[in-house]
Amino acid sequence: MIDSLARYRPYIAMLILFVIVLGATILALRQPAPAALTIITPTPRPTATPASIIVDVRGAVAKPGVYTLIAGSRVQDALAQAGAALPNAETRNLNLARRLNDGEQLYVPTIGEATATPLPAPGKSAPASAATKTPLGKINVNTATLEELDALPGIGPAIAQRIIDYRNQNGAFKQIDDLKKVRGIGDALFAQIKELVTLQ
């Protein structure tokens, strides 16, 4: 009996070793796999594009034209874009620190130039302004033409057209302050023109 056991001892040892290896493998397979490492790269924030305004610079400047400026720009910024005022420019009444509005026209007169309505182009008759000017020389915003509104300081053709469009859609202006409801006419521009306009 002992001899037969001794003969099978190597097989028994191999069987025991196999059972141990099998058990260790099963235990290893049952353990949860380590979580995969996820690398999250932060998404870069989109850079805010500054809002812009378009201003028409005319008169006694080196390069008259239409310029795109950053919103909040001032008169001096528009003049810098237009190559600065000419030596014969009248800048005493020009507020260089005033903020500009989108669609505004900035006109720089020459020394001695009257700030009245510009002369009509050759071949065209002057606009009939008698119906819209009051005895005090103010422009009636309820009946003025585009050319007459365009003659106001800081009001270019774009804003003049918006005034007419607003008037056509909403009826006559009830009070002067209603002009601020027109897109492009802010407090600064309104302060420039309020003494030059009337409703009658």
N, C-alpha and C. Protein backbone atom coordinates (compact mmCIF):
# COMPACT_ATOMS: atom_id res chain seq x y z
N MET A 1 0.83 -1.21 0.00
CA MET A 1 0.00 0.00 0.00
C MET A 1 0.86 1.25 0.00
N ILE A 2 1.85 1.24 0.86
CA ILE A 2 2.74 2.38 0.95
C ILE A 2 3.51 2.54 -0.35
N ASP A 3 3.89 1.41 -0.98
CA ASP A 3 4.64 1.49 -2.23
C ASP A 3 3.79 2.06 -3.35
N SER A 4 2.52 1.67 -3.37
CA SER A 4 1.64 2.21 -4.43
C SER A 4 1.42 3.71 -4.24
N LEU A 5 1.33 4.19 -3.00
CA LEU A 5 1.17 5.63 -2.73
C LEU A 5 2.43 6.39 -3.16
N ALA A 6 3.57 5.78 -2.87
CA ALA A 6 4.82 6.43 -3.25
C ALA A 6 4.93 6.55 -4.74
N ARG A 7 4.37 5.58 -5.45
CA ARG A 7 4.43 5.62 -6.90
C ARG A 7 3.58 6.76 -7.48
N TYR A 8 2.46 7.06 -6.81
CA TYR A 8 1.55 8.11 -7.33
C TYR A 8 1.82 9.49 -6.72
N ARG A 9 2.83 9.55 -5.83
CA ARG A 9 3.11 10.83 -5.15
C ARG A 9 3.41 11.95 -6.15
N PRO A 10 4.21 11.75 -7.18
CA PRO A 10 4.47 12.87 -8.12
C PRO A 10 3.19 13.35 -8.81
N TYR A 11 2.30 12.41 -9.11
CA TYR A 11 1.04 12.80 -9.78
C TYR A 11 0.13 13.59 -8.83
N ILE A 12 0.16 13.14 -7.57
CA ILE A 12 -0.66 13.84 -6.57
C ILE A 12 -0.13 15.26 -6.38
N ALA A 13 1.21 15.39 -6.32
CA ALA A 13 1.81 16.72 -6.16
C ALA A 13 1.47 17.61 -7.35
N MET A 14 1.51 17.03 -8.56
CA MET A 14 1.16 17.81 -9.75
C MET A 14 -0.31 18.21 -9.73
N LEU A 15 -1.17 17.31 -9.25
CA LEU A 15 -2.60 17.61 -9.17
C LEU A 15 -2.86 18.74 -8.17
N ILE A 16 -2.18 18.65 -7.02
CA ILE A 16 -2.34 19.71 -6.00
C ILE A 16 -1.85 21.05 -6.56
N LEU A 17 -0.71 21.05 -7.28
CA LEU A 17 -0.17 22.28 -7.87
C LEU A 17 -1.13 22.84 -8.92
N PHE A 18 -1.71 21.94 -9.70
CA PHE A 18 -2.67 22.37 -10.73
C PHE A 18 -3.89 23.03 -10.09
N VAL A 19 -4.39 22.42 -9.01
CA VAL A 19 -5.57 22.97 -8.30
C VAL A 19 -5.23 24.35 -7.73
N ILE A 20 -4.02 24.50 -7.19
CA ILE A 20 -3.61 25.82 -6.62
C ILE A 20 -3.54 26.88 -7.72
N VAL A 21 -2.92 26.53 -8.86
CA VAL A 21 -2.80 27.48 -9.97
C VAL A 21 -4.18 27.83 -10.52
N LEU A 22 -5.04 26.81 -10.64
CA LEU A 22 -6.40 27.05 -11.14
C LEU A 22 -7.18 27.97 -10.21
N GLY A 23 -7.04 27.72 -8.92
CA GLY A 23 -7.74 28.56 -7.93
C GLY A 23 -7.24 30.01 -7.97
N ALA A 24 -5.92 30.18 -8.08
CA ALA A 24 -5.36 31.54 -8.15
C ALA A 24 -5.82 32.26 -9.41
N THR A 25 -5.92 31.53 -10.52
CA THR A 25 -6.37 32.15 -11.78
C THR A 25 -7.83 32.59 -11.68
N ILE A 26 -8.66 31.74 -11.09
CA ILE A 26 -10.09 32.09 -10.93
C ILE A 26 -10.23 33.32 -10.05
N LEU A 27 -9.46 33.39 -8.95
CA LEU A 27 -9.52 34.55 -8.06
C LEU A 27 -9.08 35.82 -8.79
N ALA A 28 -8.04 35.68 -9.59
CA ALA A 28 -7.53 36.86 -10.31
C ALA A 28 -8.55 37.36 -11.33
N LEU A 29 -9.25 36.42 -11.98
CA LEU A 29 -10.25 36.83 -12.98
C LEU A 29 -11.48 37.45 -12.35
N ARG A 30 -11.77 37.08 -11.10
CA ARG A 30 -12.96 37.61 -10.44
C ARG A 30 -12.78 39.03 -9.93
N GLN A 31 -11.55 39.47 -9.75
CA GLN A 31 -11.31 40.83 -9.24
C GLN A 31 -11.68 41.83 -10.32
N PRO A 32 -12.35 42.96 -9.94
CA PRO A 32 -12.74 43.96 -10.94
C PRO A 32 -11.50 44.61 -11.58
N ALA A 33 -11.62 44.84 -12.88
CA ALA A 33 -10.50 45.48 -13.59
C ALA A 33 -10.36 46.93 -13.14
N PRO A 34 -9.15 47.44 -13.05
CA PRO A 34 -8.96 48.86 -12.64
C PRO A 34 -9.62 49.80 -13.65
N ALA A 35 -10.23 50.84 -13.13
CA ALA A 35 -10.93 51.80 -14.01
C ALA A 35 -9.93 52.46 -14.95
N ALA A 36 -10.40 52.61 -16.19
CA ALA A 36 -9.52 53.24 -17.19
C ALA A 36 -9.35 54.71 -16.85
N LEU A 37 -8.17 55.22 -17.01
CA LEU A 37 -7.86 56.62 -16.71
C LEU A 37 -8.33 57.50 -17.87
N THR A 38 -9.25 58.40 -17.57
CA THR A 38 -9.77 59.31 -18.59
C THR A 38 -9.15 60.68 -18.40
N ILE A 39 -8.51 61.18 -19.43
CA ILE A 39 -7.89 62.52 -19.37
C ILE A 39 -8.85 63.51 -20.01
N ILE A 40 -9.28 64.47 -19.23
CA ILE A 40 -10.20 65.50 -19.73
C ILE A 40 -9.42 66.78 -19.95
N THR A 41 -9.38 67.19 -21.19
CA THR A 41 -8.69 68.45 -21.50
C THR A 41 -9.72 69.57 -21.50
N PRO A 42 -9.47 70.65 -20.77
CA PRO A 42 -10.46 71.73 -20.71
C PRO A 42 -10.64 72.38 -22.08
N THR A 43 -11.91 72.64 -22.40
CA THR A 43 -12.22 73.30 -23.67
C THR A 43 -11.88 74.78 -23.54
N PRO A 44 -11.08 75.31 -24.44
CA PRO A 44 -10.74 76.74 -24.33
C PRO A 44 -11.97 77.61 -24.51
N ARG A 45 -12.07 78.63 -23.68
CA ARG A 45 -13.21 79.55 -23.78
C ARG A 45 -13.10 80.37 -25.06
N PRO A 46 -14.23 80.51 -25.74
CA PRO A 46 -14.17 81.34 -26.95
C PRO A 46 -13.91 82.79 -26.57
N THR A 47 -13.02 83.42 -27.28
CA THR A 47 -12.71 84.82 -27.00
C THR A 47 -13.83 85.70 -27.55
N ALA A 48 -14.31 86.58 -26.72
CA ALA A 48 -15.40 87.45 -27.13
C ALA A 48 -14.92 88.45 -28.18
N THR A 49 -15.64 88.48 -29.29
CA THR A 49 -15.30 89.43 -30.34
C THR A 49 -15.91 90.79 -29.96
N PRO A 50 -15.09 91.82 -29.86
CA PRO A 50 -15.66 93.12 -29.47
C PRO A 50 -16.65 93.61 -30.51
N ALA A 51 -17.74 94.19 -30.02
CA ALA A 51 -18.74 94.74 -30.94
C ALA A 51 -18.14 95.91 -31.69
N SER A 52 -18.65 96.16 -32.87
CA SER A 52 -18.10 97.24 -33.68
C SER A 52 -19.20 98.18 -34.15
N ILE A 53 -18.80 99.38 -34.52
CA ILE A 53 -19.72 100.37 -35.06
C ILE A 53 -19.14 100.88 -36.37
N ILE A 54 -19.99 101.41 -37.22
CA ILE A 54 -19.55 101.97 -38.50
C ILE A 54 -19.84 103.46 -38.49
N VAL A 55 -18.82 104.25 -38.78
CA VAL A 55 -18.93 105.71 -38.72
C VAL A 55 -18.47 106.30 -40.05
N ASP A 56 -19.22 107.29 -40.54
CA ASP A 56 -18.88 107.99 -41.78
C ASP A 56 -18.18 109.30 -41.40
N VAL A 57 -16.90 109.40 -41.74
CA VAL A 57 -16.12 110.60 -41.39
C VAL A 57 -15.97 111.45 -42.66
N ARG A 58 -16.43 112.70 -42.58
CA ARG A 58 -16.37 113.61 -43.74
C ARG A 58 -15.78 114.95 -43.33
N GLY A 59 -15.53 115.77 -44.35
CA GLY A 59 -15.07 117.13 -44.09
C GLY A 59 -13.57 117.26 -44.17
N ALA A 60 -13.02 118.12 -43.31
CA ALA A 60 -11.60 118.49 -43.36
C ALA A 60 -10.73 117.46 -42.65
N VAL A 61 -10.68 116.23 -43.23
CA VAL A 61 -9.80 115.18 -42.71
C VAL A 61 -8.95 114.66 -43.86
N ALA A 62 -7.84 114.02 -43.54
CA ALA A 62 -6.91 113.56 -44.57
C ALA A 62 -7.53 112.47 -45.45
N LYS A 63 -8.27 111.53 -44.84
CA LYS A 63 -8.85 110.41 -45.60
C LYS A 63 -10.32 110.24 -45.24
N PRO A 64 -11.22 111.05 -45.83
CA PRO A 64 -12.65 110.88 -45.54
C PRO A 64 -13.11 109.49 -45.99
N GLY A 65 -14.06 108.94 -45.28
CA GLY A 65 -14.58 107.62 -45.66
C GLY A 65 -15.37 106.99 -44.53
N VAL A 66 -15.79 105.75 -44.78
CA VAL A 66 -16.57 104.99 -43.80
C VAL A 66 -15.60 104.04 -43.09
N TYR A 67 -15.62 104.10 -41.75
CA TYR A 67 -14.66 103.31 -40.96
C TYR A 67 -15.39 102.44 -39.94
N THR A 68 -14.84 101.25 -39.71
CA THR A 68 -15.35 100.35 -38.68
C THR A 68 -14.48 100.50 -37.44
N LEU A 69 -15.13 100.83 -36.32
CA LEU A 69 -14.42 101.06 -35.07
C LEU A 69 -15.00 100.15 -33.99
N ILE A 70 -14.27 99.98 -32.91
CA ILE A 70 -14.76 99.21 -31.77
C ILE A 70 -15.86 100.01 -31.08
N ALA A 71 -16.93 99.32 -30.66
CA ALA A 71 -18.02 100.00 -29.95
C ALA A 71 -17.44 100.73 -28.74
N GLY A 72 -17.90 101.95 -28.52
CA GLY A 72 -17.39 102.76 -27.42
C GLY A 72 -16.27 103.69 -27.85
N SER A 73 -15.90 103.63 -29.14
CA SER A 73 -14.86 104.53 -29.64
C SER A 73 -15.32 105.98 -29.57
N ARG A 74 -14.37 106.87 -29.55
CA ARG A 74 -14.67 108.29 -29.41
C ARG A 74 -14.30 109.05 -30.68
N VAL A 75 -14.65 110.33 -30.71
CA VAL A 75 -14.41 111.14 -31.90
C VAL A 75 -12.94 111.13 -32.28
N GLN A 76 -12.05 111.21 -31.28
CA GLN A 76 -10.62 111.23 -31.58
C GLN A 76 -10.17 109.94 -32.26
N ASP A 77 -10.81 108.80 -31.95
CA ASP A 77 -10.47 107.53 -32.59
C ASP A 77 -10.85 107.55 -34.06
N ALA A 78 -12.03 108.12 -34.36
CA ALA A 78 -12.48 108.20 -35.75
C ALA A 78 -11.56 109.12 -36.54
N LEU A 79 -11.14 110.23 -35.94
CA LEU A 79 -10.23 111.16 -36.63
C LEU A 79 -8.88 110.50 -36.89
N ALA A 80 -8.41 109.68 -35.94
CA ALA A 80 -7.14 108.98 -36.14
C ALA A 80 -7.25 108.01 -37.31
N GLN A 81 -8.39 107.32 -37.43
CA GLN A 81 -8.60 106.40 -38.56
C GLN A 81 -8.61 107.15 -39.88
N ALA A 82 -9.17 108.37 -39.85
CA ALA A 82 -9.29 109.17 -41.07
C ALA A 82 -8.03 110.00 -41.35
N GLY A 83 -6.94 109.69 -40.68
CA GLY A 83 -5.67 110.38 -40.95
C GLY A 83 -5.56 111.73 -40.30
N ALA A 84 -6.36 112.01 -39.29
CA ALA A 84 -6.35 113.26 -38.52
C ALA A 84 -6.97 114.42 -39.30
N ALA A 85 -7.28 115.48 -38.55
CA ALA A 85 -7.89 116.66 -39.16
C ALA A 85 -6.84 117.45 -39.94
N LEU A 86 -7.29 118.10 -41.00
CA LEU A 86 -6.39 118.92 -41.82
C LEU A 86 -6.04 120.20 -41.07
N PRO A 87 -4.96 120.88 -41.47
CA PRO A 87 -4.56 122.12 -40.78
C PRO A 87 -5.64 123.20 -40.81
N ASN A 88 -6.49 123.20 -41.84
CA ASN A 88 -7.53 124.23 -41.91
C ASN A 88 -8.84 123.78 -41.28
N ALA A 89 -8.81 122.70 -40.51
CA ALA A 89 -10.04 122.19 -39.88
C ALA A 89 -10.40 123.02 -38.66
N GLU A 90 -11.69 123.22 -38.49
CA GLU A 90 -12.20 123.94 -37.31
C GLU A 90 -12.58 122.89 -36.27
N THR A 91 -11.74 122.71 -35.26
CA THR A 91 -11.97 121.65 -34.27
C THR A 91 -12.33 122.20 -32.89
N ARG A 92 -12.50 123.51 -32.78
CA ARG A 92 -12.80 124.09 -31.45
C ARG A 92 -14.13 123.58 -30.90
N ASN A 93 -15.11 123.39 -31.78
CA ASN A 93 -16.43 122.93 -31.31
C ASN A 93 -16.58 121.42 -31.39
N LEU A 94 -15.49 120.74 -31.67
CA LEU A 94 -15.52 119.28 -31.79
C LEU A 94 -15.16 118.67 -30.44
N ASN A 95 -16.06 117.87 -29.89
CA ASN A 95 -15.79 117.20 -28.62
C ASN A 95 -15.06 115.89 -28.90
N LEU A 96 -13.75 115.88 -28.76
CA LEU A 96 -12.94 114.70 -29.10
C LEU A 96 -13.21 113.53 -28.17
N ALA A 97 -13.76 113.80 -26.99
CA ALA A 97 -14.01 112.72 -26.01
C ALA A 97 -15.40 112.11 -26.15
N ARG A 98 -16.22 112.64 -27.07
CA ARG A 98 -17.60 112.13 -27.21
C ARG A 98 -17.60 110.73 -27.80
N ARG A 99 -18.46 109.85 -27.23
CA ARG A 99 -18.61 108.50 -27.77
C ARG A 99 -19.40 108.54 -29.07
N LEU A 100 -19.01 107.67 -29.99
CA LEU A 100 -19.67 107.62 -31.29
C LEU A 100 -20.77 106.55 -31.29
N ASN A 101 -21.76 106.74 -32.16
CA ASN A 101 -22.86 105.79 -32.31
C ASN A 101 -22.77 105.11 -33.66
N ASP A 102 -23.30 103.91 -33.74
CA ASP A 102 -23.30 103.18 -35.00
C ASP A 102 -24.12 103.93 -36.04
N GLY A 103 -23.59 104.06 -37.24
CA GLY A 103 -24.29 104.74 -38.32
C GLY A 103 -24.16 106.25 -38.29
N GLU A 104 -23.38 106.76 -37.37
CA GLU A 104 -23.24 108.22 -37.23
C GLU A 104 -22.34 108.80 -38.31
N GLN A 105 -22.62 110.04 -38.67
CA GLN A 105 -21.73 110.77 -39.57
C GLN A 105 -21.01 111.84 -38.76
N LEU A 106 -19.69 111.85 -38.86
CA LEU A 106 -18.86 112.84 -38.17
C LEU A 106 -18.33 113.80 -39.23
N TYR A 107 -18.77 115.07 -39.13
CA TYR A 107 -18.36 116.06 -40.12
C TYR A 107 -17.43 117.08 -39.46
N VAL A 108 -16.24 117.27 -40.06
CA VAL A 108 -15.26 118.24 -39.55
C VAL A 108 -15.25 119.44 -40.49
N PRO A 109 -15.77 120.59 -40.04
CA PRO A 109 -15.81 121.76 -40.93
C PRO A 109 -14.43 122.42 -41.04
N THR A 110 -14.28 123.24 -42.08
CA THR A 110 -13.06 124.03 -42.22
C THR A 110 -13.24 125.35 -41.48
N ILE A 111 -12.14 126.04 -41.22
CA ILE A 111 -12.20 127.32 -40.51
C ILE A 111 -13.01 128.30 -41.35
N GLY A 112 -13.99 128.92 -40.72
CA GLY A 112 -14.84 129.90 -41.40
C GLY A 112 -16.02 129.28 -42.13
N GLU A 113 -16.09 127.96 -42.17
CA GLU A 113 -17.21 127.30 -42.85
C GLU A 113 -18.46 127.39 -41.98
N ALA A 114 -19.56 127.75 -42.61
CA ALA A 114 -20.83 127.80 -41.88
C ALA A 114 -21.30 126.37 -41.66
N THR A 115 -21.98 126.15 -40.54
CA THR A 115 -22.48 124.81 -40.23
C THR A 115 -23.92 124.64 -40.68
N ALA A 116 -24.28 125.32 -41.76
CA ALA A 116 -25.65 125.21 -42.27
C ALA A 116 -25.78 123.97 -43.13
N THR A 117 -26.97 123.80 -43.70
CA THR A 117 -27.23 122.67 -44.58
C THR A 117 -26.30 122.73 -45.78
N PRO A 118 -25.65 121.60 -46.15
CA PRO A 118 -24.74 121.64 -47.28
C PRO A 118 -25.46 121.98 -48.57
N LEU A 119 -24.70 122.58 -49.51
CA LEU A 119 -25.29 122.97 -50.79
C LEU A 119 -25.69 121.74 -51.58
N PRO A 120 -26.77 121.83 -52.39
CA PRO A 120 -27.16 120.68 -53.18
C PRO A 120 -26.16 120.42 -54.29
N ALA A 121 -26.15 119.18 -54.76
CA ALA A 121 -25.24 118.80 -55.84
C ALA A 121 -25.61 119.54 -57.11
N PRO A 122 -24.63 119.81 -58.00
CA PRO A 122 -24.94 120.52 -59.24
C PRO A 122 -26.02 119.79 -60.04
N GLY A 123 -26.95 120.58 -60.60
CA GLY A 123 -28.03 119.99 -61.39
C GLY A 123 -29.25 119.63 -60.58
N LYS A 124 -29.13 119.68 -59.22
CA LYS A 124 -30.27 119.36 -58.37
C LYS A 124 -30.73 120.61 -57.67
N SER A 125 -32.03 120.75 -57.53
CA SER A 125 -32.56 121.92 -56.84
C SER A 125 -32.43 121.74 -55.35
N ALA A 126 -32.33 122.83 -54.65
CA ALA A 126 -32.21 122.76 -53.19
C ALA A 126 -33.50 122.23 -52.61
N PRO A 127 -33.43 121.42 -51.52
CA PRO A 127 -34.66 120.90 -50.93
C PRO A 127 -35.52 122.02 -50.39
N ALA A 128 -36.81 121.86 -50.54
CA ALA A 128 -37.74 122.88 -50.04
C ALA A 128 -37.83 122.74 -48.54
N SER A 129 -37.04 123.55 -47.82
CA SER A 129 -36.99 123.42 -46.36
C SER A 129 -37.89 124.40 -45.65
N ALA A 130 -38.60 125.23 -46.40
CA ALA A 130 -39.45 126.23 -45.75
C ALA A 130 -40.52 125.57 -44.91
N ALA A 131 -40.99 124.42 -45.35
CA ALA A 131 -42.09 123.76 -44.64
C ALA A 131 -41.61 123.10 -43.35
N THR A 132 -40.32 122.81 -43.26
CA THR A 132 -39.84 122.09 -42.08
C THR A 132 -39.01 122.96 -41.15
N LYS A 133 -38.62 124.13 -41.56
CA LYS A 133 -37.86 125.02 -40.68
C LYS A 133 -38.83 125.93 -39.94
N THR A 134 -38.59 126.14 -38.68
CA THR A 134 -39.42 127.05 -37.89
C THR A 134 -38.77 128.43 -37.94
N PRO A 135 -39.46 129.45 -37.43
CA PRO A 135 -38.86 130.78 -37.42
C PRO A 135 -37.53 130.82 -36.67
N LEU A 136 -37.32 129.87 -35.72
CA LEU A 136 -36.07 129.85 -34.98
C LEU A 136 -34.98 129.09 -35.73
N GLY A 137 -35.30 128.57 -36.92
CA GLY A 137 -34.32 127.83 -37.71
C GLY A 137 -34.19 126.38 -37.32
N LYS A 138 -35.09 125.87 -36.46
CA LYS A 138 -35.03 124.48 -36.05
C LYS A 138 -35.66 123.58 -37.11
N ILE A 139 -35.22 122.33 -37.17
CA ILE A 139 -35.76 121.37 -38.13
C ILE A 139 -36.89 120.59 -37.48
N ASN A 140 -38.01 120.53 -38.18
CA ASN A 140 -39.18 119.78 -37.70
C ASN A 140 -38.97 118.31 -38.03
N VAL A 141 -38.71 117.49 -37.01
CA VAL A 141 -38.42 116.07 -37.25
C VAL A 141 -39.63 115.29 -37.72
N ASN A 142 -40.83 115.88 -37.59
CA ASN A 142 -42.03 115.19 -38.05
C ASN A 142 -42.30 115.39 -39.54
N THR A 143 -41.63 116.37 -40.16
CA THR A 143 -41.87 116.61 -41.59
C THR A 143 -40.58 116.74 -42.40
N ALA A 144 -39.43 116.69 -41.74
CA ALA A 144 -38.15 116.91 -42.43
C ALA A 144 -37.83 115.79 -43.42
N THR A 145 -37.14 116.19 -44.48
CA THR A 145 -36.69 115.20 -45.47
C THR A 145 -35.39 114.56 -45.00
N LEU A 146 -34.96 113.53 -45.70
CA LEU A 146 -33.71 112.85 -45.35
C LEU A 146 -32.54 113.82 -45.41
N GLU A 147 -32.51 114.68 -46.44
CA GLU A 147 -31.41 115.63 -46.59
C GLU A 147 -31.36 116.61 -45.43
N GLU A 148 -32.53 117.06 -44.98
CA GLU A 148 -32.57 118.02 -43.87
C GLU A 148 -32.12 117.37 -42.57
N LEU A 149 -32.55 116.14 -42.33
CA LEU A 149 -32.12 115.44 -41.12
C LEU A 149 -30.63 115.13 -41.19
N ASP A 150 -30.14 114.82 -42.38
CA ASP A 150 -28.72 114.52 -42.58
C ASP A 150 -27.85 115.73 -42.25
N ALA A 151 -28.42 116.93 -42.38
CA ALA A 151 -27.65 118.15 -42.11
C ALA A 151 -27.42 118.38 -40.62
N LEU A 152 -28.16 117.67 -39.76
CA LEU A 152 -27.96 117.82 -38.31
C LEU A 152 -26.60 117.24 -37.93
N PRO A 153 -25.91 117.82 -36.95
CA PRO A 153 -24.59 117.31 -36.55
C PRO A 153 -24.69 115.89 -35.99
N GLY A 154 -23.82 115.03 -36.49
CA GLY A 154 -23.80 113.65 -36.00
C GLY A 154 -24.82 112.73 -36.63
N ILE A 155 -25.74 113.27 -37.42
CA ILE A 155 -26.76 112.45 -38.08
C ILE A 155 -26.34 112.23 -39.52
N GLY A 156 -26.02 111.02 -39.86
CA GLY A 156 -25.68 110.69 -41.24
C GLY A 156 -26.91 110.20 -41.98
N PRO A 157 -26.75 109.80 -43.23
CA PRO A 157 -27.88 109.32 -44.02
C PRO A 157 -28.56 108.11 -43.39
N ALA A 158 -27.77 107.24 -42.75
CA ALA A 158 -28.34 106.02 -42.17
C ALA A 158 -29.29 106.35 -41.03
N ILE A 159 -28.85 107.22 -40.10
CA ILE A 159 -29.71 107.57 -38.96
C ILE A 159 -30.88 108.43 -39.43
N ALA A 160 -30.64 109.30 -40.41
CA ALA A 160 -31.74 110.12 -40.96
C ALA A 160 -32.84 109.21 -41.52
N GLN A 161 -32.44 108.16 -42.22
CA GLN A 161 -33.43 107.22 -42.77
C GLN A 161 -34.16 106.49 -41.66
N ARG A 162 -33.44 106.15 -40.57
CA ARG A 162 -34.10 105.47 -39.44
C ARG A 162 -35.13 106.37 -38.77
N ILE A 163 -34.83 107.69 -38.71
CA ILE A 163 -35.80 108.63 -38.13
C ILE A 163 -37.08 108.63 -38.98
N ILE A 164 -36.90 108.68 -40.30
CA ILE A 164 -38.06 108.68 -41.20
C ILE A 164 -38.82 107.36 -41.09
N ASP A 165 -38.09 106.24 -41.03
CA ASP A 165 -38.74 104.93 -40.91
C ASP A 165 -39.53 104.84 -39.61
N TYR A 166 -38.92 105.32 -38.51
CA TYR A 166 -39.61 105.29 -37.22
C TYR A 166 -40.89 106.13 -37.29
N ARG A 167 -40.77 107.30 -37.93
CA ARG A 167 -41.92 108.21 -38.07
C ARG A 167 -43.03 107.55 -38.89
N ASN A 168 -42.65 106.84 -39.96
CA ASN A 168 -43.65 106.18 -40.81
C ASN A 168 -44.33 105.01 -40.11
N GLN A 169 -43.59 104.31 -39.25
CA GLN A 169 -44.14 103.13 -38.58
C GLN A 169 -44.92 103.48 -37.32
N ASN A 170 -44.52 104.53 -36.62
CA ASN A 170 -45.12 104.84 -35.31
C ASN A 170 -45.90 106.15 -35.28
N GLY A 171 -45.92 106.86 -36.39
CA GLY A 171 -46.60 108.16 -36.40
C GLY A 171 -45.65 109.26 -35.96
N ALA A 172 -46.18 110.47 -35.89
CA ALA A 172 -45.36 111.63 -35.55
C ALA A 172 -44.77 111.49 -34.15
N PHE A 173 -43.59 112.08 -33.97
CA PHE A 173 -42.96 112.10 -32.65
C PHE A 173 -43.82 112.96 -31.73
N LYS A 174 -44.10 112.45 -30.53
CA LYS A 174 -44.93 113.19 -29.55
C LYS A 174 -44.09 114.15 -28.73
N GLN A 175 -42.85 113.75 -28.44
CA GLN A 175 -41.94 114.61 -27.68
C GLN A 175 -40.52 114.41 -28.20
N ILE A 176 -39.68 115.41 -27.99
CA ILE A 176 -38.33 115.39 -28.53
C ILE A 176 -37.56 114.16 -28.03
N ASP A 177 -37.78 113.77 -26.77
CA ASP A 177 -37.07 112.63 -26.19
C ASP A 177 -37.33 111.33 -26.95
N ASP A 178 -38.44 111.27 -27.71
CA ASP A 178 -38.74 110.05 -28.48
C ASP A 178 -37.68 109.76 -29.53
N LEU A 179 -36.88 110.76 -29.89
CA LEU A 179 -35.80 110.53 -30.86
C LEU A 179 -34.82 109.47 -30.35
N LYS A 180 -34.70 109.34 -29.02
CA LYS A 180 -33.76 108.36 -28.47
C LYS A 180 -34.24 106.93 -28.69
N LYS A 181 -35.50 106.77 -29.14
CA LYS A 181 -36.01 105.43 -29.46
C LYS A 181 -35.51 104.96 -30.82
N VAL A 182 -34.95 105.88 -31.60
CA VAL A 182 -34.40 105.54 -32.92
C VAL A 182 -33.03 104.92 -32.71
N ARG A 183 -32.79 103.76 -33.32
CA ARG A 183 -31.52 103.07 -33.17
C ARG A 183 -30.37 103.95 -33.68
N GLY A 184 -29.36 104.12 -32.85
CA GLY A 184 -28.20 104.93 -33.23
C GLY A 184 -28.18 106.30 -32.57
N ILE A 185 -29.31 106.70 -31.96
CA ILE A 185 -29.34 107.99 -31.26
C ILE A 185 -29.28 107.72 -29.76
N GLY A 186 -28.10 107.91 -29.21
CA GLY A 186 -27.91 107.74 -27.78
C GLY A 186 -27.98 109.09 -27.07
N ASP A 187 -27.66 109.08 -25.79
CA ASP A 187 -27.75 110.30 -24.99
C ASP A 187 -26.82 111.39 -25.52
N ALA A 188 -25.59 111.01 -25.90
CA ALA A 188 -24.62 112.02 -26.36
C ALA A 188 -25.08 112.68 -27.66
N LEU A 189 -25.53 111.87 -28.60
CA LEU A 189 -25.98 112.42 -29.88
C LEU A 189 -27.26 113.24 -29.70
N PHE A 190 -28.15 112.75 -28.85
CA PHE A 190 -29.38 113.48 -28.59
C PHE A 190 -29.09 114.86 -27.99
N ALA A 191 -28.10 114.92 -27.09
CA ALA A 191 -27.73 116.20 -26.49
C ALA A 191 -27.22 117.18 -27.54
N GLN A 192 -26.59 116.64 -28.60
CA GLN A 192 -26.07 117.49 -29.68
C GLN A 192 -27.19 118.13 -30.50
N ILE A 193 -28.27 117.39 -30.70
CA ILE A 193 -29.28 117.85 -31.68
C ILE A 193 -30.57 118.36 -31.06
N LYS A 194 -30.77 118.15 -29.74
CA LYS A 194 -32.08 118.47 -29.17
C LYS A 194 -32.46 119.94 -29.27
N GLU A 195 -31.45 120.83 -29.28
CA GLU A 195 -31.73 122.25 -29.40
C GLU A 195 -31.94 122.70 -30.85
N LEU A 196 -31.66 121.78 -31.79
CA LEU A 196 -31.75 122.13 -33.21
C LEU A 196 -33.01 121.59 -33.88
N VAL A 197 -33.82 120.85 -33.11
CA VAL A 197 -35.01 120.22 -33.70
C VAL A 197 -36.26 120.64 -32.95
N THR A 198 -37.38 120.46 -33.61
CA THR A 198 -38.68 120.77 -33.02
C THR A 198 -39.71 119.79 -33.54
N LEU A 199 -40.88 119.77 -32.94
CA LEU A 199 -41.95 118.88 -33.38
C LEU A 199 -43.02 119.64 -34.16
N GLN A 200 -42.88 120.97 -34.26
CA GLN A 200 -43.90 121.79 -34.95
C GLN A 200 -43.27 122.65 -36.01
